[in-house]
mmCIF file of all heavy atoms, coordinates in Angstrom:
data_MODEL
# 
_entry.id   MODEL 
# 
loop_
_atom_site.group_PDB 
_atom_site.id 
_atom_site.type_symbol 
_atom_site.label_atom_id 
_atom_site.label_alt_id 
_atom_site.label_comp_id 
_atom_site.label_asym_id 
_atom_site.label_entity_id 
_atom_site.label_seq_id 
_atom_site.pdbx_PDB_ins_code 
_atom_site.Cartn_x 
_atom_site.Cartn_y 
_atom_site.Cartn_z 
_atom_site.occupancy 
_atom_site.B_iso_or_equiv 
_atom_site.pdbx_formal_charge 
_atom_site.auth_seq_id 
_atom_site.auth_comp_id 
_atom_site.auth_asym_id 
_atom_site.auth_atom_id 
_atom_site.pdbx_PDB_model_num 
ATOM 1   N N   . MET A 1 1  ? 0.815   -1.232 -0.013 1.00 0.00 ? 1  MET A N   1 
ATOM 2   C CA  . MET A 1 1  ? -0.003  -0.073 -0.011 1.00 0.00 ? 1  MET A CA  1 
ATOM 3   C C   . MET A 1 1  ? 0.910   1.294  0.020  1.00 0.00 ? 1  MET A C   1 
ATOM 4   O O   . MET A 1 1  ? 0.537   2.147  -0.713 1.00 0.00 ? 1  MET A O   1 
ATOM 5   C CB  . MET A 1 1  ? -0.909  -0.070 1.156  1.00 0.00 ? 1  MET A CB  1 
ATOM 6   C CG  . MET A 1 1  ? -2.055  -1.156 1.086  1.00 0.00 ? 1  MET A CG  1 
ATOM 7   S SD  . MET A 1 1  ? -2.974  -1.295 2.603  1.00 0.00 ? 1  MET A SD  1 
ATOM 8   C CE  . MET A 1 1  ? -4.233  -0.069 2.190  1.00 0.00 ? 1  MET A CE  1 
ATOM 9   N N   . ARG A 1 2  ? 1.869   1.292  0.837  1.00 0.00 ? 2  ARG A N   1 
ATOM 10  C CA  . ARG A 1 2  ? 2.822   2.428  0.886  1.00 0.00 ? 2  ARG A CA  1 
ATOM 11  C C   . ARG A 1 2  ? 3.508   2.580  -0.497 1.00 0.00 ? 2  ARG A C   1 
ATOM 12  O O   . ARG A 1 2  ? 3.623   3.719  -1.088 1.00 0.00 ? 2  ARG A O   1 
ATOM 13  C CB  . ARG A 1 2  ? 3.988   2.209  1.914  1.00 0.00 ? 2  ARG A CB  1 
ATOM 14  C CG  . ARG A 1 2  ? 3.421   2.379  3.231  1.00 0.00 ? 2  ARG A CG  1 
ATOM 15  C CD  . ARG A 1 2  ? 4.584   2.264  4.269  1.00 0.00 ? 2  ARG A CD  1 
ATOM 16  N NE  . ARG A 1 2  ? 4.059   2.022  5.691  1.00 0.00 ? 2  ARG A NE  1 
ATOM 17  C CZ  . ARG A 1 2  ? 3.815   0.886  6.195  1.00 0.00 ? 2  ARG A CZ  1 
ATOM 18  N NH1 . ARG A 1 2  ? 4.211   -0.192 5.541  1.00 0.00 ? 2  ARG A NH1 1 
ATOM 19  N NH2 . ARG A 1 2  ? 3.317   0.769  7.347  1.00 0.00 ? 2  ARG A NH2 1 
ATOM 20  N N   . ALA A 1 3  ? 3.883   1.462  -1.116 1.00 0.00 ? 3  ALA A N   1 
ATOM 21  C CA  . ALA A 1 3  ? 4.531   1.550  -2.494 1.00 0.00 ? 3  ALA A CA  1 
ATOM 22  C C   . ALA A 1 3  ? 3.493   2.056  -3.526 1.00 0.00 ? 3  ALA A C   1 
ATOM 23  O O   . ALA A 1 3  ? 3.903   2.817  -4.421 1.00 0.00 ? 3  ALA A O   1 
ATOM 24  C CB  . ALA A 1 3  ? 5.139   0.217  -2.881 1.00 0.00 ? 3  ALA A CB  1 
ATOM 25  N N   . GLY A 1 4  ? 2.342   1.595  -3.416 1.00 0.00 ? 4  GLY A N   1 
ATOM 26  C CA  . GLY A 1 4  ? 1.255   2.124  -4.286 1.00 0.00 ? 4  GLY A CA  1 
ATOM 27  C C   . GLY A 1 4  ? 1.043   3.552  -4.170 1.00 0.00 ? 4  GLY A C   1 
ATOM 28  O O   . GLY A 1 4  ? 0.906   4.306  -5.223 1.00 0.00 ? 4  GLY A O   1 
ATOM 29  N N   . LEU A 1 5  ? 1.030   4.100  -2.954 1.00 0.00 ? 5  LEU A N   1 
ATOM 30  C CA  . LEU A 1 5  ? 0.897   5.541  -2.771 1.00 0.00 ? 5  LEU A CA  1 
ATOM 31  C C   . LEU A 1 5  ? 2.018   6.293  -3.399 1.00 0.00 ? 5  LEU A C   1 
ATOM 32  O O   . LEU A 1 5  ? 1.851   7.295  -4.054 1.00 0.00 ? 5  LEU A O   1 
ATOM 33  C CB  . LEU A 1 5  ? 0.804   5.849  -1.328 1.00 0.00 ? 5  LEU A CB  1 
ATOM 34  C CG  . LEU A 1 5  ? -0.487  5.494  -0.579 1.00 0.00 ? 5  LEU A CG  1 
ATOM 35  C CD1 . LEU A 1 5  ? -0.289  5.658  0.871  1.00 0.00 ? 5  LEU A CD1 1 
ATOM 36  C CD2 . LEU A 1 5  ? -1.644  6.318  -1.074 1.00 0.00 ? 5  LEU A CD2 1 
ATOM 37  N N   . ALA A 1 6  ? 3.218   5.745  -3.261 1.00 0.00 ? 6  ALA A N   1 
ATOM 38  C CA  . ALA A 1 6  ? 4.447   6.384  -3.853 1.00 0.00 ? 6  ALA A CA  1 
ATOM 39  C C   . ALA A 1 6  ? 4.431   6.385  -5.376 1.00 0.00 ? 6  ALA A C   1 
ATOM 40  O O   . ALA A 1 6  ? 5.005   7.347  -5.943 1.00 0.00 ? 6  ALA A O   1 
ATOM 41  C CB  . ALA A 1 6  ? 5.715   5.685  -3.343 1.00 0.00 ? 6  ALA A CB  1 
ATOM 42  N N   . SER A 1 7  ? 3.638   5.395  -5.970 1.00 0.00 ? 7  SER A N   1 
ATOM 43  C CA  . SER A 1 7  ? 3.612   5.355  -7.414 1.00 0.00 ? 7  SER A CA  1 
ATOM 44  C C   . SER A 1 7  ? 2.376   5.893  -7.997 1.00 0.00 ? 7  SER A C   1 
ATOM 45  O O   . SER A 1 7  ? 2.036   5.703  -9.192 1.00 0.00 ? 7  SER A O   1 
ATOM 46  C CB  . SER A 1 7  ? 3.840   3.964  -7.861 1.00 0.00 ? 7  SER A CB  1 
ATOM 47  O OG  . SER A 1 7  ? 2.729   3.092  -7.539 1.00 0.00 ? 7  SER A OG  1 
ATOM 48  N N   . GLY A 1 8  ? 1.577   6.739  -7.236 1.00 0.00 ? 8  GLY A N   1 
ATOM 49  C CA  . GLY A 1 8  ? 0.429   7.386  -7.773 1.00 0.00 ? 8  GLY A CA  1 
ATOM 50  C C   . GLY A 1 8  ? -0.896  6.907  -7.452 1.00 0.00 ? 8  GLY A C   1 
ATOM 51  O O   . GLY A 1 8  ? -1.986  7.424  -7.938 1.00 0.00 ? 8  GLY A O   1 
ATOM 52  N N   . ALA A 1 9  ? -0.923  5.827  -6.723 1.00 0.00 ? 9  ALA A N   1 
ATOM 53  C CA  . ALA A 1 9  ? -2.244  5.269  -6.237 1.00 0.00 ? 9  ALA A CA  1 
ATOM 54  C C   . ALA A 1 9  ? -2.834  6.266  -5.221 1.00 0.00 ? 9  ALA A C   1 
ATOM 55  O O   . ALA A 1 9  ? -2.234  7.036  -4.578 1.00 0.00 ? 9  ALA A O   1 
ATOM 56  C CB  . ALA A 1 9  ? -2.155  3.823  -5.623 1.00 0.00 ? 9  ALA A CB  1 
ATOM 57  N N   . VAL A 1 10 ? -4.153  6.108  -4.983 1.00 0.00 ? 10 VAL A N   1 
ATOM 58  C CA  . VAL A 1 10 ? -4.957  6.868  -4.072 1.00 0.00 ? 10 VAL A CA  1 
ATOM 59  C C   . VAL A 1 10 ? -5.498  5.855  -3.158 1.00 0.00 ? 10 VAL A C   1 
ATOM 60  O O   . VAL A 1 10 ? -6.182  4.856  -3.572 1.00 0.00 ? 10 VAL A O   1 
ATOM 61  C CB  . VAL A 1 10 ? -5.975  7.804  -4.741 1.00 0.00 ? 10 VAL A CB  1 
ATOM 62  C CG1 . VAL A 1 10 ? -6.789  8.449  -3.666 1.00 0.00 ? 10 VAL A CG1 1 
ATOM 63  C CG2 . VAL A 1 10 ? -5.356  8.741  -5.710 1.00 0.00 ? 10 VAL A CG2 1 
ATOM 64  N N   . ILE A 1 11 ? -5.424  6.147  -1.806 1.00 0.00 ? 11 ILE A N   1 
ATOM 65  C CA  . ILE A 1 11 ? -6.256  5.267  -0.867 1.00 0.00 ? 11 ILE A CA  1 
ATOM 66  C C   . ILE A 1 11 ? -7.016  6.243  0.029  1.00 0.00 ? 11 ILE A C   1 
ATOM 67  O O   . ILE A 1 11 ? -6.507  7.203  0.471  1.00 0.00 ? 11 ILE A O   1 
ATOM 68  C CB  . ILE A 1 11 ? -5.244  4.445  0.035  1.00 0.00 ? 11 ILE A CB  1 
ATOM 69  C CG1 . ILE A 1 11 ? -4.408  3.504  -0.911 1.00 0.00 ? 11 ILE A CG1 1 
ATOM 70  C CG2 . ILE A 1 11 ? -6.093  3.671  1.058  1.00 0.00 ? 11 ILE A CG2 1 
ATOM 71  C CD1 . ILE A 1 11 ? -3.329  2.704  -0.032 1.00 0.00 ? 11 ILE A CD1 1 
ATOM 72  N N   . VAL A 1 12 ? -8.322  6.006  0.115  1.00 0.00 ? 12 VAL A N   1 
ATOM 73  C CA  . VAL A 1 12 ? -9.218  6.758  0.929  1.00 0.00 ? 12 VAL A CA  1 
ATOM 74  C C   . VAL A 1 12 ? -9.698  5.834  1.953  1.00 0.00 ? 12 VAL A C   1 
ATOM 75  O O   . VAL A 1 12 ? -9.825  4.695  1.883  1.00 0.00 ? 12 VAL A O   1 
ATOM 76  C CB  . VAL A 1 12 ? -10.363 7.378  0.111  1.00 0.00 ? 12 VAL A CB  1 
ATOM 77  C CG1 . VAL A 1 12 ? -9.784  8.384  -0.895 1.00 0.00 ? 12 VAL A CG1 1 
ATOM 78  C CG2 . VAL A 1 12 ? -11.165 6.340  -0.600 1.00 0.00 ? 12 VAL A CG2 1 
ATOM 79  N N   . VAL A 1 13 ? -9.989  6.472  3.170  1.00 0.00 ? 13 VAL A N   1 
ATOM 80  C CA  . VAL A 1 13 ? -10.536 5.698  4.341  1.00 0.00 ? 13 VAL A CA  1 
ATOM 81  C C   . VAL A 1 13 ? -11.861 6.219  4.656  1.00 0.00 ? 13 VAL A C   1 
ATOM 82  O O   . VAL A 1 13 ? -12.159 7.456  4.512  1.00 0.00 ? 13 VAL A O   1 
ATOM 83  C CB  . VAL A 1 13 ? -9.572  5.675  5.504  1.00 0.00 ? 13 VAL A CB  1 
ATOM 84  C CG1 . VAL A 1 13 ? -8.243  4.988  5.162  1.00 0.00 ? 13 VAL A CG1 1 
ATOM 85  C CG2 . VAL A 1 13 ? -9.328  7.064  5.974  1.00 0.00 ? 13 VAL A CG2 1 
ATOM 86  N N   . ALA A 1 14 ? -12.698 5.342  5.270  1.00 0.00 ? 14 ALA A N   1 
ATOM 87  C CA  . ALA A 1 14 ? -13.993 5.784  5.912  1.00 0.00 ? 14 ALA A CA  1 
ATOM 88  C C   . ALA A 1 14 ? -13.702 5.760  7.346  1.00 0.00 ? 14 ALA A C   1 
ATOM 89  O O   . ALA A 1 14 ? -13.095 4.831  7.933  1.00 0.00 ? 14 ALA A O   1 
ATOM 90  C CB  . ALA A 1 14 ? -15.081 4.854  5.484  1.00 0.00 ? 14 ALA A CB  1 
ATOM 91  N N   . ARG A 1 15 ? -14.064 6.771  8.016  1.00 0.00 ? 15 ARG A N   1 
ATOM 92  C CA  . ARG A 1 15 ? -13.850 6.950  9.458  1.00 0.00 ? 15 ARG A CA  1 
ATOM 93  C C   . ARG A 1 15 ? -15.123 7.095  10.164 1.00 0.00 ? 15 ARG A C   1 
ATOM 94  O O   . ARG A 1 15 ? -16.101 7.637  9.635  1.00 0.00 ? 15 ARG A O   1 
ATOM 95  C CB  . ARG A 1 15 ? -13.049 8.171  9.804  1.00 0.00 ? 15 ARG A CB  1 
ATOM 96  C CG  . ARG A 1 15 ? -11.657 8.223  9.223  1.00 0.00 ? 15 ARG A CG  1 
ATOM 97  C CD  . ARG A 1 15 ? -10.855 9.470  9.644  1.00 0.00 ? 15 ARG A CD  1 
ATOM 98  N NE  . ARG A 1 15 ? -9.680  9.577  8.904  1.00 0.00 ? 15 ARG A NE  1 
ATOM 99  C CZ  . ARG A 1 15 ? -8.606  8.844  9.185  1.00 0.00 ? 15 ARG A CZ  1 
ATOM 100 N NH1 . ARG A 1 15 ? -8.578  7.879  10.184 1.00 0.00 ? 15 ARG A NH1 1 
ATOM 101 N NH2 . ARG A 1 15 ? -7.494  8.938  8.489  1.00 0.00 ? 15 ARG A NH2 1 
ATOM 102 N N   . GLU A 1 16 ? -15.154 6.651  11.437 1.00 0.00 ? 16 GLU A N   1 
ATOM 103 C CA  . GLU A 1 16 ? -16.305 6.764  12.333 1.00 0.00 ? 16 GLU A CA  1 
ATOM 104 C C   . GLU A 1 16 ? -16.583 8.260  12.692 1.00 0.00 ? 16 GLU A C   1 
ATOM 105 O O   . GLU A 1 16 ? -17.746 8.705  12.717 1.00 0.00 ? 16 GLU A O   1 
ATOM 106 C CB  . GLU A 1 16 ? -16.086 6.051  13.623 1.00 0.00 ? 16 GLU A CB  1 
ATOM 107 C CG  . GLU A 1 16 ? -16.098 4.572  13.535 1.00 0.00 ? 16 GLU A CG  1 
ATOM 108 C CD  . GLU A 1 16 ? -16.025 3.853  14.805 1.00 0.00 ? 16 GLU A CD  1 
ATOM 109 O OE1 . GLU A 1 16 ? -16.800 4.192  15.684 1.00 0.00 ? 16 GLU A OE1 1 
ATOM 110 O OE2 . GLU A 1 16 ? -15.101 3.081  14.953 1.00 0.00 ? 16 GLU A OE2 1 
ATOM 111 N N   . SER A 1 17 ? -15.537 8.942  12.878 1.00 0.00 ? 17 SER A N   1 
ATOM 112 C CA  . SER A 1 17 ? -15.689 10.355 13.340 1.00 0.00 ? 17 SER A CA  1 
ATOM 113 C C   . SER A 1 17 ? -16.210 11.251 12.178 1.00 0.00 ? 17 SER A C   1 
ATOM 114 O O   . SER A 1 17 ? -15.867 11.165 11.062 1.00 0.00 ? 17 SER A O   1 
ATOM 115 C CB  . SER A 1 17 ? -14.301 10.848 13.688 1.00 0.00 ? 17 SER A CB  1 
ATOM 116 O OG  . SER A 1 17 ? -14.365 12.244 13.968 1.00 0.00 ? 17 SER A OG  1 
ATOM 117 N N   . ALA A 1 18 ? -17.144 12.118 12.583 1.00 0.00 ? 18 ALA A N   1 
ATOM 118 C CA  . ALA A 1 18 ? -17.573 13.157 11.667 1.00 0.00 ? 18 ALA A CA  1 
ATOM 119 C C   . ALA A 1 18 ? -16.799 14.478 11.892 1.00 0.00 ? 18 ALA A C   1 
ATOM 120 O O   . ALA A 1 18 ? -17.291 15.505 11.497 1.00 0.00 ? 18 ALA A O   1 
ATOM 121 C CB  . ALA A 1 18 ? -19.098 13.393 11.881 1.00 0.00 ? 18 ALA A CB  1 
ATOM 122 N N   . GLY A 1 19 ? -15.559 14.301 12.391 1.00 0.00 ? 19 GLY A N   1 
ATOM 123 C CA  . GLY A 1 19 ? -14.750 15.497 12.614 1.00 0.00 ? 19 GLY A CA  1 
ATOM 124 C C   . GLY A 1 19 ? -14.149 16.047 11.371 1.00 0.00 ? 19 GLY A C   1 
ATOM 125 O O   . GLY A 1 19 ? -14.483 15.624 10.205 1.00 0.00 ? 19 GLY A O   1 
ATOM 126 N N   . THR A 1 20 ? -13.284 16.990 11.365 1.00 0.00 ? 20 THR A N   1 
ATOM 127 C CA  . THR A 1 20 ? -12.824 17.630 10.216 1.00 0.00 ? 20 THR A CA  1 
ATOM 128 C C   . THR A 1 20 ? -11.752 16.730 9.553  1.00 0.00 ? 20 THR A C   1 
ATOM 129 O O   . THR A 1 20 ? -10.930 16.238 10.160 1.00 0.00 ? 20 THR A O   1 
ATOM 130 C CB  . THR A 1 20 ? -11.967 18.962 10.651 1.00 0.00 ? 20 THR A CB  1 
ATOM 131 O OG1 . THR A 1 20 ? -12.915 19.700 11.448 1.00 0.00 ? 20 THR A OG1 1 
ATOM 132 C CG2 . THR A 1 20 ? -11.530 19.666 9.500  1.00 0.00 ? 20 THR A CG2 1 
ATOM 133 N N   . PRO A 1 21 ? -11.931 16.621 8.216  1.00 0.00 ? 21 PRO A N   1 
ATOM 134 C CA  . PRO A 1 21 ? -10.952 15.798 7.425  1.00 0.00 ? 21 PRO A CA  1 
ATOM 135 C C   . PRO A 1 21 ? -9.520  16.289 7.507  1.00 0.00 ? 21 PRO A C   1 
ATOM 136 O O   . PRO A 1 21 ? -9.380  17.508 7.743  1.00 0.00 ? 21 PRO A O   1 
ATOM 137 C CB  . PRO A 1 21 ? -11.521 15.866 6.033  1.00 0.00 ? 21 PRO A CB  1 
ATOM 138 C CG  . PRO A 1 21 ? -12.856 16.457 6.030  1.00 0.00 ? 21 PRO A CG  1 
ATOM 139 C CD  . PRO A 1 21 ? -12.959 17.226 7.348  1.00 0.00 ? 21 PRO A CD  1 
ATOM 140 N N   . ARG A 1 22 ? -8.573  15.408 7.452  1.00 0.00 ? 22 ARG A N   1 
ATOM 141 C CA  . ARG A 1 22 ? -7.245  15.841 7.436  1.00 0.00 ? 22 ARG A CA  1 
ATOM 142 C C   . ARG A 1 22 ? -6.978  16.520 6.201  1.00 0.00 ? 22 ARG A C   1 
ATOM 143 O O   . ARG A 1 22 ? -7.476  16.183 5.047  1.00 0.00 ? 22 ARG A O   1 
ATOM 144 C CB  . ARG A 1 22 ? -6.343  14.624 7.489  1.00 0.00 ? 22 ARG A CB  1 
ATOM 145 C CG  . ARG A 1 22 ? -6.393  13.957 8.921  1.00 0.00 ? 22 ARG A CG  1 
ATOM 146 C CD  . ARG A 1 22 ? -5.499  12.692 8.934  1.00 0.00 ? 22 ARG A CD  1 
ATOM 147 N NE  . ARG A 1 22 ? -5.368  12.218 10.231 1.00 0.00 ? 22 ARG A NE  1 
ATOM 148 C CZ  . ARG A 1 22 ? -6.337  11.362 10.691 1.00 0.00 ? 22 ARG A CZ  1 
ATOM 149 N NH1 . ARG A 1 22 ? -7.330  10.995 10.011 1.00 0.00 ? 22 ARG A NH1 1 
ATOM 150 N NH2 . ARG A 1 22 ? -6.232  10.899 11.944 1.00 0.00 ? 22 ARG A NH2 1 
ATOM 151 N N   . ALA A 1 23 ? -6.069  17.577 6.147  1.00 0.00 ? 23 ALA A N   1 
ATOM 152 C CA  . ALA A 1 23 ? -5.725  18.237 4.963  1.00 0.00 ? 23 ALA A CA  1 
ATOM 153 C C   . ALA A 1 23 ? -4.775  17.569 4.053  1.00 0.00 ? 23 ALA A C   1 
ATOM 154 O O   . ALA A 1 23 ? -3.959  16.763 4.484  1.00 0.00 ? 23 ALA A O   1 
ATOM 155 C CB  . ALA A 1 23 ? -5.134  19.566 5.407  1.00 0.00 ? 23 ALA A CB  1 
ATOM 156 N N   . GLY A 1 24 ? -4.960  17.787 2.813  1.00 0.00 ? 24 GLY A N   1 
ATOM 157 C CA  . GLY A 1 24 ? -4.040  17.405 1.697  1.00 0.00 ? 24 GLY A CA  1 
ATOM 158 C C   . GLY A 1 24 ? -3.416  16.015 1.791  1.00 0.00 ? 24 GLY A C   1 
ATOM 159 O O   . GLY A 1 24 ? -2.412  15.875 2.321  1.00 0.00 ? 24 GLY A O   1 
ATOM 160 N N   . GLY A 1 25 ? -4.102  15.081 1.088  1.00 0.00 ? 25 GLY A N   1 
ATOM 161 C CA  . GLY A 1 25 ? -3.605  13.637 1.147  1.00 0.00 ? 25 GLY A CA  1 
ATOM 162 C C   . GLY A 1 25 ? -2.149  13.544 0.803  1.00 0.00 ? 25 GLY A C   1 
ATOM 163 O O   . GLY A 1 25 ? -1.287  12.998 1.558  1.00 0.00 ? 25 GLY A O   1 
ATOM 164 N N   . ALA A 1 26 ? -1.728  14.062 -0.356 1.00 0.00 ? 26 ALA A N   1 
ATOM 165 C CA  . ALA A 1 26 ? -0.329  13.821 -0.870 1.00 0.00 ? 26 ALA A CA  1 
ATOM 166 C C   . ALA A 1 26 ? 0.588   14.615 0.058  1.00 0.00 ? 26 ALA A C   1 
ATOM 167 O O   . ALA A 1 26 ? 1.618   14.051 0.517  1.00 0.00 ? 26 ALA A O   1 
ATOM 168 C CB  . ALA A 1 26 ? -0.194  14.308 -2.232 1.00 0.00 ? 26 ALA A CB  1 
ATOM 169 N N   . THR A 1 27 ? 0.199   15.836 0.452  1.00 0.00 ? 27 THR A N   1 
ATOM 170 C CA  . THR A 1 27 ? 1.155   16.567 1.316  1.00 0.00 ? 27 THR A CA  1 
ATOM 171 C C   . THR A 1 27 ? 1.161   15.921 2.694  1.00 0.00 ? 27 THR A C   1 
ATOM 172 O O   . THR A 1 27 ? 2.303   15.768 3.317  1.00 0.00 ? 27 THR A O   1 
ATOM 173 C CB  . THR A 1 27 ? 0.500   18.013 1.570  1.00 0.00 ? 27 THR A CB  1 
ATOM 174 O OG1 . THR A 1 27 ? 0.397   18.567 0.228  1.00 0.00 ? 27 THR A OG1 1 
ATOM 175 C CG2 . THR A 1 27 ? 1.305   18.859 2.387  1.00 0.00 ? 27 THR A CG2 1 
ATOM 176 N N   . ARG A 1 28 ? 0.018   15.411 3.218  1.00 0.00 ? 28 ARG A N   1 
ATOM 177 C CA  . ARG A 1 28 ? 0.048   14.801 4.482  1.00 0.00 ? 28 ARG A CA  1 
ATOM 178 C C   . ARG A 1 28 ? 0.800   13.436 4.425  1.00 0.00 ? 28 ARG A C   1 
ATOM 179 O O   . ARG A 1 28 ? 1.581   13.126 5.349  1.00 0.00 ? 28 ARG A O   1 
ATOM 180 C CB  . ARG A 1 28 ? -1.468  14.381 4.772  1.00 0.00 ? 28 ARG A CB  1 
ATOM 181 C CG  . ARG A 1 28 ? -1.630  13.679 6.124  1.00 0.00 ? 28 ARG A CG  1 
ATOM 182 C CD  . ARG A 1 28 ? -1.313  14.605 7.274  1.00 0.00 ? 28 ARG A CD  1 
ATOM 183 N NE  . ARG A 1 28 ? -1.386  13.957 8.493  1.00 0.00 ? 28 ARG A NE  1 
ATOM 184 C CZ  . ARG A 1 28 ? -1.801  14.524 9.655  1.00 0.00 ? 28 ARG A CZ  1 
ATOM 185 N NH1 . ARG A 1 28 ? -2.191  15.800 9.603  1.00 0.00 ? 28 ARG A NH1 1 
ATOM 186 N NH2 . ARG A 1 28 ? -1.914  13.779 10.721 1.00 0.00 ? 28 ARG A NH2 1 
ATOM 187 N N   . ILE A 1 29 ? 0.803   12.694 3.361  1.00 0.00 ? 29 ILE A N   1 
ATOM 188 C CA  . ILE A 1 29 ? 1.627   11.533 3.211  1.00 0.00 ? 29 ILE A CA  1 
ATOM 189 C C   . ILE A 1 29 ? 3.097   11.874 3.304  1.00 0.00 ? 29 ILE A C   1 
ATOM 190 O O   . ILE A 1 29 ? 3.899   11.265 3.980  1.00 0.00 ? 29 ILE A O   1 
ATOM 191 C CB  . ILE A 1 29 ? 1.289   10.743 1.931  1.00 0.00 ? 29 ILE A CB  1 
ATOM 192 C CG1 . ILE A 1 29 ? -0.123  10.240 1.930  1.00 0.00 ? 29 ILE A CG1 1 
ATOM 193 C CG2 . ILE A 1 29 ? 2.349   9.656  1.633  1.00 0.00 ? 29 ILE A CG2 1 
ATOM 194 C CD1 . ILE A 1 29 ? -0.381  9.132  2.926  1.00 0.00 ? 29 ILE A CD1 1 
# 
């Protein structure tokens, strides 16, 4: 999964919390 992210894949998660989403997937990674 980490290698996939590094090569352009996208992984999204579903969370229990209705809190504020984390900012910027690629930047966050």
